[in-house]
Amino acid sequence: MTSAFNQFRELTWLELTLWAGKKNVSDGRECYQRKEVRELSMTKNGGILAWIDAEELFATLVEYDEGEFFSECTCNPIEHTCMHSIAVIIEFIVHLKKKIDLPLAESNDQRFFLL
């Protein structure tokens, strides 16, 4: 288990809120609860890649590196992160807790090109 896995597993609601803001966390939790996260997979460097099937289809990538979380989303958030990234993190944590393995994203995965 890499340190990125441990960081996601040990992440608290407070840490998520400090990183993404209260509204993004609340909206991201609702996005997760609506089951909008699709095709969750890992990148070769430990990032989390997913589709968000919401009002439109978004590609989202969340990474942890050198003590910080980073995210990219095709919703083009004004700030540094968005609710879709929070939904991906929550979905990933659920997979970790249930010990569900994630597939490795192919290097030619369409989501990489969209981001």
C-alpha atoms as a PDB file:
ATOM      1  CA  MET A   1       0.000   0.000   0.000  1.00  0.00           C
ATOM      2  CA  THR A   2       1.566   3.307  -1.073  1.00  0.00           C
ATOM      3  CA  SER A   3       1.560   6.510   0.920  1.00  0.00           C
ATOM      4  CA  ALA A   4      -1.050   7.921  -1.519  1.00  0.00           C
ATOM      5  CA  PHE A   5      -3.408   5.077  -0.626  1.00  0.00           C
ATOM      6  CA  ASN A   6      -2.824   5.744   3.061  1.00  0.00           C
ATOM      7  CA  GLN A   7      -3.399   9.480   2.626  1.00  0.00           C
ATOM      8  CA  PHE A   8      -6.761   8.857   0.984  1.00  0.00           C
ATOM      9  CA  ARG A   9      -7.725   6.206   3.554  1.00  0.00           C
ATOM     10  CA  GLU A  10      -6.880   8.492   6.491  1.00  0.00           C
ATOM     11  CA  LEU A  11      -8.390  11.652   4.998  1.00  0.00           C
ATOM     12  CA  THR A  12     -10.885  13.390   7.267  1.00  0.00           C
ATOM     13  CA  TRP A  13     -13.913  15.546   6.397  1.00  0.00           C
ATOM     14  CA  LEU A  14     -12.085  18.498   7.947  1.00  0.00           C
ATOM     15  CA  GLU A  15      -9.057  17.994   5.687  1.00  0.00           C
ATOM     16  CA  LEU A  16     -11.322  17.702   2.639  1.00  0.00           C
ATOM     17  CA  THR A  17     -13.119  20.886   3.671  1.00  0.00           C
ATOM     18  CA  LEU A  18      -9.875  22.796   4.196  1.00  0.00           C
ATOM     19  CA  TRP A  19      -8.671  21.698   0.742  1.00  0.00           C
ATOM     20  CA  ALA A  20     -11.862  22.085  -1.277  1.00  0.00           C
ATOM     21  CA  GLY A  21     -14.214  24.286   0.735  1.00  0.00           C
ATOM     22  CA  LYS A  22     -17.464  23.493   2.527  1.00  0.00           C
ATOM     23  CA  LYS A  23     -19.718  23.874  -0.542  1.00  0.00           C
ATOM     24  CA  ASN A  24     -17.555  21.629  -2.755  1.00  0.00           C
ATOM     25  CA  VAL A  25     -17.461  18.947  -0.066  1.00  0.00           C
ATOM     26  CA  SER A  26     -21.230  19.101   0.446  1.00  0.00           C
ATOM     27  CA  ASP A  27     -21.927  19.051  -3.309  1.00  0.00           C
ATOM     28  CA  GLY A  28     -19.335  16.311  -3.848  1.00  0.00           C
ATOM     29  CA  ARG A  29     -20.937  14.155  -1.182  1.00  0.00           C
ATOM     30  CA  GLU A  30     -24.305  14.559  -2.917  1.00  0.00           C
ATOM     31  CA  CYS A  31     -22.700  13.712  -6.271  1.00  0.00           C
ATOM     32  CA  TYR A  32     -21.292  10.527  -4.700  1.00  0.00           C
ATOM     33  CA  GLN A  33     -24.641   9.651  -3.100  1.00  0.00           C
ATOM     34  CA  ARG A  34     -26.376  10.049  -6.489  1.00  0.00           C
ATOM     35  CA  LYS A  35     -23.907   7.403  -7.777  1.00  0.00           C
ATOM     36  CA  GLU A  36     -22.530   9.675 -10.491  1.00  0.00           C
ATOM     37  CA  VAL A  37     -18.945   8.341 -10.255  1.00  0.00           C
ATOM     38  CA  ARG A  38     -18.214   5.844 -13.050  1.00  0.00           C
ATOM     39  CA  GLU A  39     -15.275   3.692 -14.152  1.00  0.00           C
ATOM     40  CA  LEU A  40     -12.977   4.476 -11.253  1.00  0.00           C
ATOM     41  CA  SER A  41      -9.394   3.466 -12.014  1.00  0.00           C
ATOM     42  CA  MET A  42      -5.848   4.098 -10.840  1.00  0.00           C
ATOM     43  CA  THR A  43      -3.107   5.826 -12.764  1.00  0.00           C
ATOM     44  CA  LYS A  44       0.381   4.348 -12.819  1.00  0.00           C
ATOM     45  CA  ASN A  45       1.589   7.081 -10.420  1.00  0.00           C
ATOM     46  CA  GLY A  46      -1.188   6.471  -7.846  1.00  0.00           C
ATOM     47  CA  GLY A  47      -3.783   8.988  -9.018  1.00  0.00           C
ATOM     48  CA  ILE A  48      -7.495   8.291  -9.233  1.00  0.00           C
ATOM     49  CA  LEU A  49      -9.228   8.677 -12.583  1.00  0.00           C
ATOM     50  CA  ALA A  50     -13.004   8.589 -13.093  1.00  0.00           C
ATOM     51  CA  TRP A  51     -15.939   9.668 -15.172  1.00  0.00           C
ATOM     52  CA  ILE A  52     -18.630  11.732 -13.488  1.00  0.00           C
ATOM     53  CA  ASP A  53     -22.000  11.171 -15.132  1.00  0.00           C
ATOM     54  CA  ALA A  54     -23.881  14.244 -13.918  1.00  0.00           C
ATOM     55  CA  GLU A  55     -25.615  16.968 -15.918  1.00  0.00           C
ATOM     56  CA  GLU A  56     -22.939  16.128 -18.513  1.00  0.00           C
ATOM     57  CA  LEU A  57     -20.035  13.688 -18.610  1.00  0.00           C
ATOM     58  CA  PHE A  58     -16.851  14.914 -16.904  1.00  0.00           C
ATOM     59  CA  ALA A  59     -13.395  13.356 -16.692  1.00  0.00           C
ATOM     60  CA  THR A  60     -11.780  13.832 -13.273  1.00  0.00           C
ATOM     61  CA  LEU A  61      -8.310  13.082 -11.940  1.00  0.00           C
ATOM     62  CA  VAL A  62      -7.220  13.383  -8.305  1.00  0.00           C
ATOM     63  CA  GLU A  63      -3.613  12.929  -7.216  1.00  0.00           C
ATOM     64  CA  TYR A  64      -1.628  13.139  -4.003  1.00  0.00           C
ATOM     65  CA  ASP A  65       2.001  14.184  -4.212  1.00  0.00           C
ATOM     66  CA  GLU A  66       4.502  15.627  -1.764  1.00  0.00           C
ATOM     67  CA  GLY A  67       1.924  16.192   0.964  1.00  0.00           C
ATOM     68  CA  GLU A  68      -0.737  17.837  -1.193  1.00  0.00           C
ATOM     69  CA  PHE A  69      -3.853  16.866  -3.114  1.00  0.00           C
ATOM     70  CA  PHE A  70      -4.276  18.025  -6.705  1.00  0.00           C
ATOM     71  CA  SER A  71      -7.232  17.638  -9.035  1.00  0.00           C
ATOM     72  CA  GLU A  72      -8.216  18.255 -12.624  1.00  0.00           C
ATOM     73  CA  CYS A  73     -11.707  18.089 -14.059  1.00  0.00           C
ATOM     74  CA  THR A  74     -13.238  18.816 -17.434  1.00  0.00           C
ATOM     75  CA  CYS A  75     -15.866  20.932 -15.665  1.00  0.00           C
ATOM     76  CA  ASN A  76     -13.042  23.516 -15.586  1.00  0.00           C
ATOM     77  CA  PRO A  77     -13.442  24.654 -11.981  1.00  0.00           C
ATOM     78  CA  ILE A  78     -12.811  28.309 -11.256  1.00  0.00           C
ATOM     79  CA  GLU A  79     -10.981  27.387  -8.076  1.00  0.00           C
ATOM     80  CA  HIS A  80      -8.372  24.686  -7.611  1.00  0.00           C
ATOM     81  CA  THR A  81     -10.855  21.841  -7.197  1.00  0.00           C
ATOM     82  CA  CYS A  82     -14.511  20.920  -7.713  1.00  0.00           C
ATOM     83  CA  MET A  83     -17.298  18.803  -6.289  1.00  0.00           C
ATOM     84  CA  HIS A  84     -16.560  16.073  -8.850  1.00  0.00           C
ATOM     85  CA  SER A  85     -13.076  15.605  -7.374  1.00  0.00           C
ATOM     86  CA  ILE A  86     -14.592  15.214  -3.911  1.00  0.00           C
ATOM     87  CA  ALA A  87     -17.044  12.593  -5.204  1.00  0.00           C
ATOM     88  CA  VAL A  88     -14.125  10.662  -6.746  1.00  0.00           C
ATOM     89  CA  ILE A  89     -12.203  10.754  -3.460  1.00  0.00           C
ATOM     90  CA  ILE A  90     -15.218   9.504  -1.502  1.00  0.00           C
ATOM     91  CA  GLU A  91     -15.836   6.695  -4.008  1.00  0.00           C
ATOM     92  CA  PHE A  92     -12.168   5.718  -3.813  1.00  0.00           C
ATOM     93  CA  ILE A  93     -12.196   5.643  -0.004  1.00  0.00           C
ATOM     94  CA  VAL A  94     -15.258   3.372  -0.102  1.00  0.00           C
ATOM     95  CA  HIS A  95     -13.409   1.041  -2.494  1.00  0.00           C
ATOM     96  CA  LEU A  96     -10.399   0.996  -0.149  1.00  0.00           C
ATOM     97  CA  LYS A  97     -12.496   0.210   2.905  1.00  0.00           C
ATOM     98  CA  LYS A  98     -14.331  -2.575   1.067  1.00  0.00           C
ATOM     99  CA  LYS A  99     -10.994  -3.867  -0.315  1.00  0.00           C
ATOM    100  CA  ILE A 100     -12.228  -3.572  -3.903  1.00  0.00           C
ATOM    101  CA  ASP A 101      -9.323  -3.534  -6.340  1.00  0.00           C
ATOM    102  CA  LEU A 102      -9.307  -0.885  -9.019  1.00  0.00           C
ATOM    103  CA  PRO A 103      -8.103  -1.464 -12.553  1.00  0.00           C
ATOM    104  CA  LEU A 104      -5.084   0.412 -13.840  1.00  0.00           C
ATOM    105  CA  ALA A 105      -6.029   3.048 -16.410  1.00  0.00           C
ATOM    106  CA  GLU A 106      -4.603   2.350 -19.853  1.00  0.00           C
ATOM    107  CA  SER A 107      -2.104   4.927 -21.102  1.00  0.00           C
ATOM    108  CA  ASN A 108      -4.447   5.721 -24.009  1.00  0.00           C
ATOM    109  CA  ASP A 109      -7.506   6.229 -21.754  1.00  0.00           C
ATOM    110  CA  GLN A 110      -9.658   8.959 -23.290  1.00  0.00           C
ATOM    111  CA  ARG A 111      -9.908  10.772 -19.947  1.00  0.00           C
ATOM    112  CA  PHE A 112      -6.175  11.598 -20.028  1.00  0.00           C
ATOM    113  CA  PHE A 113      -6.622  13.349 -23.370  1.00  0.00           C
ATOM    114  CA  LEU A 114      -9.623  15.335 -22.163  1.00  0.00           C
ATOM    115  CA  LEU A 115      -7.817  16.571 -19.076  1.00  0.00           C
END
